[in-house]
C-alpha cells in the first residue's frame, strides 16, 4: 500500500471513531416547564333581575371559564356613581369556597354592587406566590341603573 493510501485510510478511520454511534448519542433532556399563567378568555357580568327593596344594591353575577391549574381568581372593580365622580374600587379573592359555583368548566360569583359605571378585571392566580398575568386581565364594563 502506498504511503498516500495509508494516510487516507488512517484519516477516514480516525474520523469514523470520533462520530458517536447511534446508541451513544446523547438524547436531549426532557424538561417540563411550568404552565405559564394565563387568564380566562372572557368575563361575563349579568344583573340578576329580582325584586328588591329601595336602598338594596342590585345583585350582579360574574361568570368566566375556569383556567386549568388556577386555584384562585382576583376580581377587581372600579366604578363611579351619578352623584359624585369619585372612583370607588373593590377587590374579591374568588376561591372554590367563596364562589357561588365552582364547576368543571365555569366559575360563578354573585355580589351586590352599587349603581354606577363599572369596569371589572379578572386575573387567574397560580401557585403559592400568587403568580398571574396581571398585565393582561380579562375585563368587562357595564352600567347599573
N, C-alpha and C. Protein backbone atom coordinates (compact mmCIF):
# COMPACT_ATOMS: atom_id res chain seq x y z
N UNK A 1 0.86 -1.17 0.00
CA UNK A 1 0.00 0.00 0.00
C UNK A 1 0.90 1.23 0.00
N UNK A 2 0.53 2.22 -0.75
CA UNK A 2 1.34 3.42 -0.84
C UNK A 2 1.13 4.26 0.40
N UNK A 3 2.07 5.11 0.61
CA UNK A 3 2.01 5.97 1.79
C UNK A 3 0.77 6.87 1.74
N UNK A 4 0.38 7.43 0.62
CA UNK A 4 -0.78 8.31 0.47
C UNK A 4 -2.07 7.54 0.77
N UNK A 5 -2.16 6.30 0.29
CA UNK A 5 -3.35 5.49 0.56
C UNK A 5 -3.44 5.15 2.03
N UNK A 6 -2.30 4.88 2.67
CA UNK A 6 -2.29 4.55 4.10
C UNK A 6 -2.74 5.76 4.92
N UNK A 7 -2.28 6.96 4.58
CA UNK A 7 -2.69 8.17 5.30
C UNK A 7 -4.17 8.45 5.12
N UNK A 8 -4.71 8.21 3.92
CA UNK A 8 -6.13 8.40 3.67
C UNK A 8 -6.95 7.43 4.49
N UNK A 9 -6.50 6.16 4.56
CA UNK A 9 -7.20 5.15 5.34
C UNK A 9 -7.20 5.50 6.82
N UNK A 10 -6.08 5.97 7.33
CA UNK A 10 -5.99 6.37 8.74
C UNK A 10 -6.89 7.58 9.03
N UNK A 11 -6.93 8.53 8.12
CA UNK A 11 -7.77 9.71 8.32
C UNK A 11 -9.24 9.34 8.36
N UNK A 12 -9.67 8.46 7.45
CA UNK A 12 -11.07 8.03 7.43
C UNK A 12 -11.39 7.23 8.68
N UNK A 13 -10.50 6.38 9.12
CA UNK A 13 -10.72 5.56 10.31
C UNK A 13 -10.81 6.43 11.55
N UNK A 14 -9.95 7.44 11.67
CA UNK A 14 -9.97 8.28 12.86
C UNK A 14 -11.21 9.18 12.88
N UNK A 15 -11.67 9.62 11.71
CA UNK A 15 -12.90 10.42 11.67
C UNK A 15 -14.10 9.58 12.07
N UNK A 16 -14.14 8.35 11.61
CA UNK A 16 -15.23 7.47 11.98
C UNK A 16 -15.25 7.17 13.47
N UNK A 17 -14.08 7.13 14.09
CA UNK A 17 -14.02 6.86 15.52
C UNK A 17 -14.52 8.03 16.33
N UNK A 18 -14.47 9.24 15.76
CA UNK A 18 -14.92 10.41 16.51
C UNK A 18 -16.44 10.56 16.48
N UNK A 19 -17.09 9.95 15.50
CA UNK A 19 -18.54 10.06 15.41
C UNK A 19 -19.18 9.14 16.43
N UNK A 20 -20.13 9.63 17.21
CA UNK A 20 -20.77 8.74 18.17
C UNK A 20 -21.66 7.73 17.45
N UNK A 21 -21.72 6.57 18.00
CA UNK A 21 -22.61 5.56 17.46
C UNK A 21 -24.03 5.94 17.79
N UNK A 22 -25.03 5.45 17.03
CA UNK A 22 -26.41 5.85 17.29
C UNK A 22 -26.84 5.59 18.74
N UNK A 23 -26.37 4.52 19.34
CA UNK A 23 -26.78 4.24 20.72
C UNK A 23 -26.06 5.12 21.71
N UNK A 24 -24.92 5.69 21.32
CA UNK A 24 -24.16 6.52 22.25
C UNK A 24 -24.52 7.99 22.15
N UNK A 25 -25.35 8.35 21.17
CA UNK A 25 -25.74 9.75 21.04
C UNK A 25 -26.50 10.21 22.27
N UNK A 26 -26.21 11.41 22.67
CA UNK A 26 -26.90 11.97 23.84
C UNK A 26 -28.32 12.35 23.43
N UNK A 27 -29.28 11.94 24.23
CA UNK A 27 -30.65 12.33 23.98
C UNK A 27 -30.92 13.62 24.73
N UNK A 28 -31.66 14.53 24.13
CA UNK A 28 -31.93 15.79 24.83
C UNK A 28 -32.72 15.53 26.11
N UNK A 29 -32.38 16.29 27.13
CA UNK A 29 -33.06 16.14 28.41
C UNK A 29 -34.51 16.59 28.27
N UNK A 30 -35.41 15.84 28.83
CA UNK A 30 -36.83 16.18 28.77
C UNK A 30 -37.12 17.07 29.97
N UNK A 31 -37.56 18.28 29.68
CA UNK A 31 -37.93 19.19 30.76
C UNK A 31 -39.39 19.57 30.59
N UNK A 32 -40.06 19.64 31.68
CA UNK A 32 -41.45 20.07 31.65
C UNK A 32 -41.52 21.43 32.30
N UNK A 33 -41.78 22.41 31.50
CA UNK A 33 -41.89 23.77 32.01
C UNK A 33 -43.23 23.94 32.70
N UNK A 34 -43.21 24.73 33.75
CA UNK A 34 -44.46 25.03 34.44
C UNK A 34 -45.35 25.81 33.50
N UNK A 35 -46.67 25.54 33.53
CA UNK A 35 -47.54 26.28 32.62
C UNK A 35 -47.47 27.77 32.90
N UNK A 36 -47.38 28.55 31.85
CA UNK A 36 -47.33 29.99 32.05
C UNK A 36 -48.71 30.47 32.45
N UNK A 37 -48.75 31.41 33.38
CA UNK A 37 -50.05 31.90 33.83
C UNK A 37 -50.82 32.54 32.68
N UNK A 38 -52.08 32.21 32.61
CA UNK A 38 -52.96 32.85 31.63
C UNK A 38 -54.28 33.15 32.32
N UNK A 39 -55.07 33.97 31.70
CA UNK A 39 -56.34 34.39 32.29
C UNK A 39 -57.51 33.82 31.50
N UNK A 40 -58.70 33.84 32.11
CA UNK A 40 -59.88 33.41 31.36
C UNK A 40 -60.02 34.23 30.08
N UNK A 41 -60.55 33.59 29.05
CA UNK A 41 -60.69 34.26 27.76
C UNK A 41 -61.80 35.30 27.76
N UNK A 42 -62.73 35.18 28.70
CA UNK A 42 -63.87 36.10 28.73
C UNK A 42 -64.35 36.25 30.17
N UNK A 43 -64.94 37.41 30.46
CA UNK A 43 -65.57 37.68 31.76
C UNK A 43 -66.95 38.24 31.47
N UNK A 44 -67.99 37.55 31.96
CA UNK A 44 -69.38 37.98 31.77
C UNK A 44 -69.90 38.60 33.07
N UNK A 45 -70.77 39.59 32.95
CA UNK A 45 -71.45 40.18 34.10
C UNK A 45 -72.92 40.36 33.74
N UNK A 46 -73.79 39.85 34.61
CA UNK A 46 -75.23 39.91 34.37
C UNK A 46 -75.91 40.42 35.63
N UNK A 47 -76.82 41.38 35.48
CA UNK A 47 -77.59 41.83 36.63
C UNK A 47 -78.73 40.85 36.85
N UNK A 48 -78.85 40.35 38.07
CA UNK A 48 -79.92 39.41 38.41
C UNK A 48 -81.20 40.21 38.62
N UNK A 49 -82.21 39.87 37.86
CA UNK A 49 -83.48 40.58 37.98
C UNK A 49 -84.30 39.95 39.08
N UNK A 50 -84.44 40.69 40.15
CA UNK A 50 -85.20 40.21 41.30
C UNK A 50 -85.83 41.41 42.00
N UNK A 51 -86.89 41.18 42.69
CA UNK A 51 -87.50 42.25 43.46
C UNK A 51 -86.57 42.62 44.60
N UNK A 52 -86.37 43.92 44.77
CA UNK A 52 -85.53 44.35 45.88
C UNK A 52 -86.13 45.60 46.50
N UNK A 53 -85.91 45.72 47.74
CA UNK A 53 -86.41 46.89 48.47
C UNK A 53 -85.59 48.12 48.10
N UNK A 54 -86.19 49.30 48.23
CA UNK A 54 -85.43 50.53 47.96
C UNK A 54 -84.19 50.59 48.86
N UNK A 55 -83.09 51.01 48.28
CA UNK A 55 -81.84 51.11 49.04
C UNK A 55 -80.99 49.85 49.02
N UNK A 56 -81.54 48.75 48.51
CA UNK A 56 -80.78 47.50 48.44
C UNK A 56 -80.06 47.46 47.08
N UNK A 57 -78.76 47.21 47.13
CA UNK A 57 -77.96 47.21 45.91
C UNK A 57 -78.32 46.02 45.02
N UNK A 58 -78.27 46.22 43.72
CA UNK A 58 -78.56 45.12 42.78
C UNK A 58 -77.51 44.02 42.88
N UNK A 59 -77.93 42.79 42.55
CA UNK A 59 -77.02 41.64 42.54
C UNK A 59 -76.49 41.46 41.12
N UNK A 60 -75.18 41.27 41.04
CA UNK A 60 -74.51 41.05 39.76
C UNK A 60 -73.87 39.66 39.81
N UNK A 61 -74.03 38.94 38.72
CA UNK A 61 -73.43 37.61 38.61
C UNK A 61 -72.27 37.68 37.61
N UNK A 62 -71.06 37.44 38.10
CA UNK A 62 -69.89 37.32 37.25
C UNK A 62 -69.71 35.85 36.90
N UNK A 63 -69.32 35.59 35.66
CA UNK A 63 -69.13 34.21 35.22
C UNK A 63 -67.97 34.17 34.22
N UNK A 64 -67.09 33.16 34.37
CA UNK A 64 -65.94 33.02 33.49
C UNK A 64 -65.52 31.56 33.39
N UNK A 65 -64.82 31.20 32.29
CA UNK A 65 -64.34 29.83 32.17
C UNK A 65 -63.15 29.59 33.10
N UNK A 66 -63.14 28.41 33.71
CA UNK A 66 -62.03 28.06 34.60
C UNK A 66 -60.75 27.89 33.81
N UNK A 67 -59.65 28.26 34.42
CA UNK A 67 -58.33 28.10 33.83
C UNK A 67 -57.67 26.91 34.54
N UNK A 68 -57.28 25.87 33.79
CA UNK A 68 -56.65 24.70 34.43
C UNK A 68 -55.43 25.10 35.26
N UNK A 69 -55.37 24.58 36.47
CA UNK A 69 -54.24 24.86 37.36
C UNK A 69 -54.43 26.06 38.26
N UNK A 70 -55.43 26.89 37.98
CA UNK A 70 -55.66 28.07 38.81
C UNK A 70 -56.41 27.68 40.06
N UNK A 71 -55.94 28.14 41.21
CA UNK A 71 -56.57 27.82 42.49
C UNK A 71 -57.41 28.98 43.03
N UNK A 72 -57.26 30.13 42.39
CA UNK A 72 -57.92 31.34 42.88
C UNK A 72 -57.95 32.37 41.76
N UNK A 73 -58.90 33.30 41.87
CA UNK A 73 -59.02 34.39 40.91
C UNK A 73 -59.11 35.70 41.68
N UNK A 74 -58.52 36.76 41.12
CA UNK A 74 -58.61 38.09 41.71
C UNK A 74 -59.53 38.91 40.81
N UNK A 75 -60.68 39.30 41.35
CA UNK A 75 -61.68 40.09 40.64
C UNK A 75 -61.63 41.51 41.23
N UNK A 76 -61.25 42.47 40.39
CA UNK A 76 -61.07 43.85 40.86
C UNK A 76 -61.95 44.78 40.04
N UNK A 77 -62.67 45.65 40.75
CA UNK A 77 -63.55 46.57 40.05
C UNK A 77 -63.36 48.01 40.46
N UNK A 78 -63.70 48.90 39.53
CA UNK A 78 -63.71 50.34 39.78
C UNK A 78 -65.00 50.88 39.19
N UNK A 79 -65.59 51.88 39.85
CA UNK A 79 -66.81 52.47 39.34
C UNK A 79 -67.01 53.87 39.88
N UNK A 80 -67.84 54.61 39.16
CA UNK A 80 -68.27 55.94 39.61
C UNK A 80 -69.78 55.94 39.65
N UNK A 81 -70.35 56.79 40.50
CA UNK A 81 -71.81 56.89 40.54
C UNK A 81 -72.23 58.24 39.99
N UNK A 82 -73.53 58.42 39.84
CA UNK A 82 -74.05 59.64 39.21
C UNK A 82 -73.97 60.87 40.12
N UNK A 83 -73.96 60.67 41.45
CA UNK A 83 -73.94 61.81 42.37
C UNK A 83 -72.56 62.47 42.45
N UNK A 84 -71.53 61.67 42.46
CA UNK A 84 -70.18 62.22 42.50
C UNK A 84 -69.33 61.44 41.50
N UNK A 85 -68.31 62.05 41.05
CA UNK A 85 -67.44 61.36 40.09
C UNK A 85 -66.27 60.70 40.80
N UNK A 86 -66.44 60.49 42.10
CA UNK A 86 -65.40 59.81 42.87
C UNK A 86 -65.29 58.36 42.42
N UNK A 87 -64.08 57.88 42.18
CA UNK A 87 -63.85 56.50 41.75
C UNK A 87 -63.77 55.61 42.99
N UNK A 88 -64.60 54.60 42.99
CA UNK A 88 -64.60 53.62 44.08
C UNK A 88 -64.00 52.33 43.54
N UNK A 89 -63.48 51.50 44.44
CA UNK A 89 -62.90 50.24 43.98
C UNK A 89 -63.14 49.15 45.02
N UNK A 90 -63.07 47.93 44.55
CA UNK A 90 -63.28 46.75 45.41
C UNK A 90 -62.51 45.59 44.79
N UNK A 91 -61.97 44.72 45.64
CA UNK A 91 -61.28 43.52 45.18
C UNK A 91 -61.86 42.31 45.89
N UNK A 92 -62.09 41.25 45.13
CA UNK A 92 -62.56 39.99 45.68
C UNK A 92 -61.57 38.89 45.30
N UNK A 93 -61.28 38.03 46.25
CA UNK A 93 -60.48 36.82 46.00
C UNK A 93 -61.48 35.68 45.91
N UNK A 94 -61.65 35.13 44.71
CA UNK A 94 -62.65 34.09 44.48
C UNK A 94 -61.96 32.73 44.48
N UNK A 95 -62.38 31.88 45.41
CA UNK A 95 -61.86 30.52 45.52
C UNK A 95 -63.04 29.55 45.41
N UNK A 96 -62.74 28.27 45.48
CA UNK A 96 -63.81 27.27 45.45
C UNK A 96 -64.76 27.46 46.62
N UNK A 97 -64.29 27.98 47.74
CA UNK A 97 -65.14 28.20 48.92
C UNK A 97 -66.00 29.46 48.81
N UNK A 98 -65.47 30.51 48.19
CA UNK A 98 -66.22 31.77 48.15
C UNK A 98 -67.07 31.92 46.88
N UNK A 99 -66.83 31.11 45.88
CA UNK A 99 -67.59 31.21 44.63
C UNK A 99 -69.02 30.74 44.84
N UNK A 100 -69.94 31.31 44.07
CA UNK A 100 -71.32 30.84 44.08
C UNK A 100 -71.36 29.42 43.51
N UNK A 101 -70.62 29.21 42.41
CA UNK A 101 -70.45 27.88 41.81
C UNK A 101 -69.02 27.75 41.29
N UNK A 102 -68.44 26.59 41.53
CA UNK A 102 -67.09 26.28 41.04
C UNK A 102 -67.24 24.94 40.33
N UNK A 103 -67.57 24.99 39.06
CA UNK A 103 -67.87 23.77 38.29
C UNK A 103 -66.66 23.39 37.45
N UNK A 104 -66.78 22.26 36.73
CA UNK A 104 -65.68 21.78 35.90
C UNK A 104 -65.22 22.83 34.89
N UNK A 105 -66.15 23.46 34.23
CA UNK A 105 -65.76 24.39 33.17
C UNK A 105 -65.92 25.86 33.48
N UNK A 106 -66.70 26.21 34.52
CA UNK A 106 -67.04 27.61 34.76
C UNK A 106 -67.00 27.95 36.25
N UNK A 107 -66.74 29.23 36.52
CA UNK A 107 -66.82 29.77 37.88
C UNK A 107 -67.88 30.87 37.86
N UNK A 108 -68.73 30.88 38.88
CA UNK A 108 -69.77 31.90 39.03
C UNK A 108 -69.58 32.56 40.38
N UNK A 109 -69.68 33.89 40.41
CA UNK A 109 -69.53 34.65 41.64
C UNK A 109 -70.58 35.75 41.66
N UNK A 110 -71.48 35.73 42.66
CA UNK A 110 -72.54 36.74 42.80
C UNK A 110 -72.16 37.74 43.89
N UNK A 111 -72.46 39.00 43.63
CA UNK A 111 -72.13 40.05 44.58
C UNK A 111 -73.10 41.22 44.39
N UNK A 112 -73.40 41.94 45.47
CA UNK A 112 -74.21 43.16 45.39
C UNK A 112 -73.29 44.33 45.08
N UNK A 113 -73.68 45.14 44.09
CA UNK A 113 -72.86 46.29 43.70
C UNK A 113 -73.72 47.54 43.62
N UNK A 114 -73.10 48.65 43.91
CA UNK A 114 -73.78 49.95 43.85
C UNK A 114 -74.04 50.35 42.40
N UNK A 115 -75.03 51.20 42.21
CA UNK A 115 -75.32 51.72 40.88
C UNK A 115 -74.15 52.57 40.41
N UNK A 116 -73.96 52.61 39.10
CA UNK A 116 -72.89 53.42 38.54
C UNK A 116 -72.30 52.80 37.29
N UNK A 117 -71.22 53.43 36.81
CA UNK A 117 -70.49 52.94 35.64
C UNK A 117 -69.34 52.07 36.13
N UNK A 118 -69.38 50.79 35.79
CA UNK A 118 -68.44 49.81 36.34
C UNK A 118 -67.45 49.33 35.29
N UNK A 119 -66.23 49.03 35.76
CA UNK A 119 -65.20 48.39 34.97
C UNK A 119 -64.52 47.36 35.87
N UNK A 120 -64.55 46.09 35.46
CA UNK A 120 -64.01 44.99 36.27
C UNK A 120 -62.99 44.20 35.47
N UNK A 121 -62.01 43.68 36.18
CA UNK A 121 -61.00 42.83 35.55
C UNK A 121 -60.74 41.60 36.41
N UNK A 122 -60.28 40.55 35.74
CA UNK A 122 -60.11 39.25 36.39
C UNK A 122 -58.76 38.65 36.03
N UNK A 123 -58.05 38.15 37.06
CA UNK A 123 -56.75 37.51 36.87
C UNK A 123 -56.79 36.14 37.53
N UNK A 124 -56.35 35.11 36.83
CA UNK A 124 -56.21 33.77 37.40
C UNK A 124 -54.90 33.71 38.17
N UNK A 125 -54.95 33.11 39.36
CA UNK A 125 -53.78 33.04 40.24
C UNK A 125 -53.28 31.60 40.29
N UNK A 126 -51.94 31.45 40.24
CA UNK A 126 -51.31 30.13 40.25
C UNK A 126 -50.25 30.06 41.34
N UNK A 127 -50.15 28.90 41.98
CA UNK A 127 -49.07 28.64 42.93
C UNK A 127 -49.18 29.42 44.22
N UNK A 128 -48.26 29.13 45.13
CA UNK A 128 -48.33 29.76 46.46
C UNK A 128 -47.92 31.22 46.47
N UNK A 129 -47.26 31.69 45.40
CA UNK A 129 -46.80 33.08 45.39
C UNK A 129 -47.70 34.01 44.59
N UNK A 130 -48.95 33.59 44.33
CA UNK A 130 -49.93 34.40 43.61
C UNK A 130 -49.46 34.83 42.22
N UNK A 131 -48.77 33.94 41.52
CA UNK A 131 -48.32 34.25 40.16
C UNK A 131 -49.53 34.37 39.25
N UNK A 132 -49.50 35.32 38.36
CA UNK A 132 -50.59 35.53 37.42
C UNK A 132 -50.20 36.53 36.36
N UNK A 133 -50.95 36.57 35.29
CA UNK A 133 -50.71 37.51 34.21
C UNK A 133 -51.51 38.78 34.50
N UNK A 134 -51.00 39.60 35.40
CA UNK A 134 -51.70 40.80 35.82
C UNK A 134 -51.69 41.89 34.74
N UNK A 135 -50.81 41.76 33.76
CA UNK A 135 -50.73 42.76 32.69
C UNK A 135 -51.83 42.58 31.64
N UNK A 136 -52.44 41.38 31.57
CA UNK A 136 -53.45 41.10 30.54
C UNK A 136 -54.70 40.45 31.14
N UNK A 137 -55.41 41.16 32.01
CA UNK A 137 -56.59 40.55 32.63
C UNK A 137 -57.77 40.45 31.67
N UNK A 138 -58.69 39.55 32.00
CA UNK A 138 -59.99 39.55 31.31
C UNK A 138 -60.76 40.74 31.88
N UNK A 139 -61.58 41.39 31.08
CA UNK A 139 -62.29 42.58 31.60
C UNK A 139 -63.69 42.69 31.03
N UNK A 140 -64.51 43.44 31.77
CA UNK A 140 -65.87 43.73 31.35
C UNK A 140 -66.25 45.10 31.93
N UNK A 141 -67.05 45.84 31.17
CA UNK A 141 -67.56 47.13 31.64
C UNK A 141 -69.07 47.13 31.47
N UNK A 142 -69.78 47.79 32.40
CA UNK A 142 -71.24 47.83 32.35
C UNK A 142 -71.76 48.95 33.23
N UNK A 143 -73.03 49.30 33.02
CA UNK A 143 -73.71 50.30 33.84
C UNK A 143 -74.79 49.62 34.67
N UNK A 144 -74.92 50.03 35.91
CA UNK A 144 -76.01 49.59 36.77
C UNK A 144 -76.86 50.81 37.07
N UNK A 145 -78.15 50.74 36.72
CA UNK A 145 -79.07 51.86 36.96
C UNK A 145 -80.17 51.43 37.89
